[in-house]
Each structure stands twice: as structure tokens, then as C-alpha cells.
Amino acid sequence: MPLITLPGVYAPQDDTALLADALRHEPLEQGARVLDIGTGTGALALAAARRGGEVTAVDISRRAVLAARLNARLAGLPVRVVRGNLLAPVADRSFDLVLSNPPYVPAPAAVLPRRGSARAWDAGHDGRLVLDRICRDAPGLLAPGGVLLLVHSALSGTGPTLRMLRAAGLETVVVEHRFVPFGPVLRSRQGWLHSRGLVAPDEEKEELVVIRAERRA
């Protein structure tokens, strides 16, 4: 079913598809508690709900919350969509599965955008302003045996993500990866990315990774 994508809301792209692939391979019991952080249109939340998950979706964007609610209603799926900053709205809960496709693109600005479409992808000079918060806080939301599935670009550092999640006591591994052509944002920043040593002058593809981190029971 086509998804409603309002202006300024991140439309499902290669990273969404890669995380959806990982989700398809993840065991999910009926009624499992699922959290989708930064839900956008709700594509991943809906995929989990179709498999019988009890899904809560969070986004800081009012338009994204509206889009996800509309898409859930059109699909006839009981997804709870709330507005808030990352994990803040669910800090007192625990989940069997946490999904996230957060902002992760390295950007010339050192701080996160406060508004506009770039809020869905820009994440500071190293692309880790949001990733580090998820790696720090998401492990505390996992129930025993719970799993975090997190997608991001290797440009923002696969190693730091693995190290942070392992330091939190999670068993962590890269379960999916894919090379995809640069989109408009990366093409427009190629000179800046090269100046920071993140890409070669003639580089045209980035590597996307899905990291699976499990809290042992």
C-alpha cells in the first residue's frame, strides 16, 4: 500500500528497505512490544504491526506523527504514534524489539537542525549526534532477550556504534549491509566530505549497515 508522505517528512529510501529486510529475518512473537524511533511515515512500524507486534512509534516532527497516524489508519493497523524527542516519551517502558533509522548524515553544521527536511538526516560533523544518544539510552529500554535493530551509514562510523552497544552489555553484530549510490544530499557535500577524509574525490557510493544488538536474558 502506498504511504502518505507529507512535505518535510522523510520518505522511505534504501536505508528503510535495508532495515525492513533485517526486520523480516528477526523472530517476532505475537504481541511483542516494538518501538520505532524516528518513525517518519511509519513504514517500519507498520511492517512490525503486520507481523503482530504491539507497536509504539515516536517522532519529533508533528508532520511525521500525522503521516504515521494516517498511514496506520489507512492500513487498519493499531500503531500508537506519539510525538517526542527520541526515547523521552517511552523512558519508563521496556520493549522486545527497538527499531531505528535515525538522522546520521555528517553535516557542516555542528548542531542538529531545529526545523525543515534536514532534521530527518543531518546529525553534526561526524553524523553521530543522534546515534550516540540511541546507543547510550536504547539498551536500557530492552527487555531481557530484547533486540535493537539500527541502520546508518558507514560514513558516521560503524565501529563506534559497535563499541558503544557492546560496552552496554549487548551482543552486537552487523547483520545487513549494502552499497548504494550517493543521493542528492551526499552529492552536494562531496567536497566537504572529502575535506574531512570521509570519502575519496571520485567516490559515488556509501555503505549502509544494519546493526543488531541483543540483551541476553
Protein backbone atom coordinates (compact mmCIF):
# COMPACT_ATOMS: atom_id res chain seq x y z
CA MET A 1 0.00 0.00 0.00
CA PRO A 2 1.46 3.42 -0.93
CA LEU A 3 2.34 5.56 2.07
CA ILE A 4 1.26 9.14 2.61
CA THR A 5 4.39 11.31 2.79
CA LEU A 6 3.74 14.87 3.87
CA PRO A 7 6.13 17.71 2.94
CA GLY A 8 9.19 17.64 5.16
CA VAL A 9 8.68 14.01 6.24
CA TYR A 10 11.42 11.52 5.38
CA ALA A 11 10.22 9.24 2.59
CA PRO A 12 11.23 5.55 2.79
CA GLN A 13 14.53 5.03 0.95
CA ASP A 14 17.35 2.48 0.73
CA ASP A 15 18.05 2.60 4.46
CA THR A 16 14.39 1.95 5.25
CA ALA A 17 14.38 -1.02 2.87
CA LEU A 18 17.57 -2.45 4.39
CA LEU A 19 16.19 -2.22 7.91
CA ALA A 20 12.92 -3.77 6.72
CA ASP A 21 14.95 -6.69 5.35
CA ALA A 22 16.57 -7.19 8.75
CA LEU A 23 13.17 -6.98 10.42
CA ARG A 24 11.84 -9.74 8.16
CA HIS A 25 14.59 -12.05 9.39
CA GLU A 26 14.04 -11.21 13.07
CA PRO A 27 11.82 -13.60 15.09
CA LEU A 28 8.84 -11.67 16.41
CA GLU A 29 6.27 -13.26 18.67
CA GLN A 30 2.62 -12.27 18.55
CA GLY A 31 2.12 -9.31 20.86
CA ALA A 32 5.84 -8.50 21.12
CA ARG A 33 6.40 -4.93 22.30
CA VAL A 34 8.03 -2.95 19.48
CA LEU A 35 9.37 0.61 19.44
CA ASP A 36 10.15 2.53 16.24
CA ILE A 37 12.35 5.56 16.97
CA GLY A 38 12.09 8.32 14.36
CA THR A 39 9.21 6.68 12.54
CA GLY A 40 8.78 9.18 9.67
CA THR A 41 5.93 7.85 7.54
CA GLY A 42 5.58 4.84 9.84
CA ALA A 43 6.83 2.35 7.24
CA LEU A 44 8.80 0.22 9.70
CA ALA A 45 6.20 0.50 12.43
CA LEU A 46 3.57 -0.80 10.02
CA ALA A 47 5.84 -3.67 8.95
CA ALA A 48 6.21 -4.73 12.60
CA ALA A 49 2.48 -4.35 13.25
CA ARG A 50 1.65 -6.57 10.27
CA ARG A 51 3.64 -9.31 11.98
CA GLY A 52 1.59 -9.00 15.14
CA GLY A 53 3.79 -6.63 17.11
CA GLU A 54 2.33 -4.23 19.64
CA VAL A 55 3.95 -1.13 18.16
CA THR A 56 4.73 2.30 19.55
CA ALA A 57 6.22 4.82 17.09
CA VAL A 58 7.94 8.08 18.07
CA ASP A 59 8.95 11.12 16.05
CA ILE A 60 9.83 14.70 16.93
CA SER A 61 8.15 16.05 13.79
CA ARG A 62 4.47 16.91 14.03
CA ARG A 63 4.05 16.20 10.32
CA ALA A 64 5.69 12.80 10.69
CA VAL A 65 3.39 11.92 13.58
CA LEU A 66 0.39 12.92 11.47
CA ALA A 67 1.65 10.97 8.44
CA ALA A 68 2.32 7.83 10.51
CA ARG A 69 -1.11 8.03 12.13
CA LEU A 70 -2.79 8.43 8.76
CA ASN A 71 -0.84 5.53 7.27
CA ALA A 72 -1.66 3.28 10.22
CA ARG A 73 -5.34 4.15 9.94
CA LEU A 74 -5.38 3.51 6.19
CA ALA A 75 -3.64 0.18 6.73
CA GLY A 76 -6.04 -0.76 9.52
CA LEU A 77 -3.17 -1.40 11.94
CA PRO A 78 -3.16 -0.46 15.65
CA VAL A 79 0.10 1.53 15.85
CA ARG A 80 0.42 4.02 18.71
CA VAL A 81 2.20 7.12 17.37
CA VAL A 82 3.48 9.75 19.81
CA ARG A 83 5.43 12.95 19.38
CA GLY A 84 8.65 13.39 21.31
CA ASN A 85 12.42 13.62 21.29
CA LEU A 86 13.84 10.13 20.67
CA LEU A 87 13.27 7.93 23.74
CA ALA A 88 11.81 10.57 26.07
CA PRO A 89 8.13 9.58 25.60
CA VAL A 90 8.82 5.91 26.45
CA ALA A 91 11.59 6.20 29.04
CA ASP A 92 9.57 4.26 31.63
CA ARG A 93 8.77 1.30 29.36
CA SER A 94 10.59 -1.78 28.06
CA PHE A 95 10.46 -3.40 24.62
CA ASP A 96 11.20 -6.71 22.97
CA LEU A 97 12.34 -5.01 19.75
CA VAL A 98 13.57 -1.48 19.09
CA LEU A 99 13.92 -0.23 15.51
CA SER A 100 15.59 2.98 14.42
CA ASN A 101 16.54 4.73 11.20
CA PRO A 102 17.81 7.94 12.80
CA PRO A 103 19.47 11.04 11.33
CA TYR A 104 23.09 10.04 10.62
CA VAL A 105 24.45 12.12 7.72
CA PRO A 106 27.64 14.10 8.51
CA ALA A 107 26.86 17.78 8.08
CA PRO A 108 28.76 21.08 8.03
CA ALA A 109 26.59 22.35 10.90
CA ALA A 110 27.78 21.21 14.33
CA VAL A 111 24.28 21.13 15.83
CA LEU A 112 21.05 19.40 14.85
CA PRO A 113 18.63 21.37 12.66
CA ARG A 114 15.64 22.67 14.60
CA ARG A 115 13.25 22.57 11.63
CA GLY A 116 12.96 21.67 7.95
CA SER A 117 13.56 18.48 6.00
CA ALA A 118 17.25 18.28 7.01
CA ARG A 119 16.15 17.41 10.54
CA ALA A 120 15.48 13.89 9.18
CA TRP A 121 19.10 13.31 8.13
CA ASP A 122 21.65 15.90 9.37
CA ALA A 123 23.48 14.82 12.55
CA GLY A 124 26.51 17.04 13.17
CA HIS A 125 30.07 16.96 11.83
CA ASP A 126 30.54 13.22 12.39
CA GLY A 127 26.91 12.17 11.88
CA ARG A 128 26.69 10.82 15.43
CA LEU A 129 24.73 13.40 17.42
CA VAL A 130 21.64 11.17 17.42
CA LEU A 131 23.35 7.79 17.01
CA ASP A 132 25.34 8.23 20.22
CA ARG A 133 22.19 9.06 22.18
CA ILE A 134 20.46 5.94 20.87
CA CYS A 135 23.48 3.76 21.62
CA ARG A 136 23.59 5.21 25.15
CA ASP A 137 19.90 5.10 26.02
CA ALA A 138 18.25 2.34 23.95
CA PRO A 139 19.91 -0.58 25.80
CA GLY A 140 18.06 0.46 28.96
CA LEU A 141 14.72 0.02 27.19
CA LEU A 142 15.35 -3.55 26.09
CA ALA A 143 13.59 -6.33 27.96
CA PRO A 144 15.65 -9.47 28.68
CA GLY A 145 16.21 -11.06 25.28
CA GLY A 146 15.27 -7.78 23.59
CA VAL A 147 16.87 -6.67 20.32
CA LEU A 148 17.85 -3.31 18.84
CA LEU A 149 17.99 -3.05 15.04
CA LEU A 150 19.70 0.16 13.96
CA VAL A 151 20.52 1.33 10.42
CA HIS A 152 23.00 4.02 9.46
CA SER A 153 25.76 4.92 7.02
CA ALA A 154 29.32 3.70 7.48
CA LEU A 155 30.28 7.36 6.95
CA SER A 156 29.13 8.00 10.50
CA GLY A 157 31.24 5.17 11.88
CA THR A 158 30.24 1.53 12.27
CA GLY A 159 32.99 0.91 14.81
CA PRO A 160 31.82 3.47 17.40
CA THR A 161 28.28 2.07 17.26
CA LEU A 162 29.50 -1.49 17.83
CA ARG A 163 31.77 -0.40 20.68
CA MET A 164 29.11 1.63 22.48
CA LEU A 165 26.50 -1.10 22.30
CA ARG A 166 28.96 -3.78 23.40
CA ALA A 167 30.05 -1.57 26.29
CA ALA A 168 26.38 -1.51 27.34
CA GLY A 169 26.49 -5.30 27.60
CA LEU A 170 24.73 -6.13 24.34
CA GLU A 171 25.76 -8.86 21.90
CA THR A 172 26.27 -6.84 18.74
CA VAL A 173 26.87 -7.67 15.08
CA VAL A 174 26.36 -6.19 11.60
CA VAL A 175 23.56 -8.27 10.05
CA GLU A 176 22.94 -6.39 6.79
CA HIS A 177 24.96 -4.06 4.59
CA ARG A 178 24.50 -2.59 1.15
CA PHE A 179 26.33 -0.11 -1.08
CA VAL A 180 24.02 2.50 -2.58
CA PRO A 181 24.65 5.49 -4.87
CA PHE A 182 25.04 8.87 -3.24
CA GLY A 183 21.77 10.74 -3.06
CA PRO A 184 21.36 14.48 -3.60
CA VAL A 185 22.49 15.41 -0.06
CA LEU A 186 25.78 13.49 -0.19
CA ARG A 187 26.47 14.60 -3.77
CA SER A 188 26.07 18.21 -2.72
CA ARG A 189 28.54 17.69 0.17
CA GLN A 190 31.13 15.59 -1.62
CA GLY A 191 33.80 18.29 -1.43
CA TRP A 192 33.19 18.86 2.27
CA LEU A 193 33.13 15.11 2.99
CA HIS A 194 36.42 14.71 1.12
CA SER A 195 37.98 17.56 3.10
CA ARG A 196 37.15 15.64 6.29
CA GLY A 197 38.62 12.41 4.92
CA LEU A 198 35.27 10.63 4.79
CA VAL A 199 35.13 9.96 1.03
CA ALA A 200 37.53 9.79 -1.91
CA PRO A 201 37.26 12.51 -4.58
CA ASP A 202 35.66 10.12 -7.07
CA GLU A 203 33.58 8.13 -4.60
CA GLU A 204 29.95 7.68 -5.65
CA LYS A 205 28.53 5.13 -3.20
CA GLU A 206 28.05 4.83 0.54
CA GLU A 207 27.77 1.70 2.62
CA LEU A 208 24.62 1.28 4.72
CA VAL A 209 24.72 -1.11 7.67
CA VAL A 210 22.13 -2.65 9.97
CA ILE A 211 23.46 -3.41 13.44
CA ARG A 212 21.72 -5.98 15.64
CA ALA A 213 22.28 -5.69 19.38
CA GLU A 214 20.70 -8.19 21.78
CA ARG A 215 20.31 -8.07 25.52
CA ARG A 216 20.74 -11.60 26.76
CA ALA A 217 18.01 -12.94 29.05
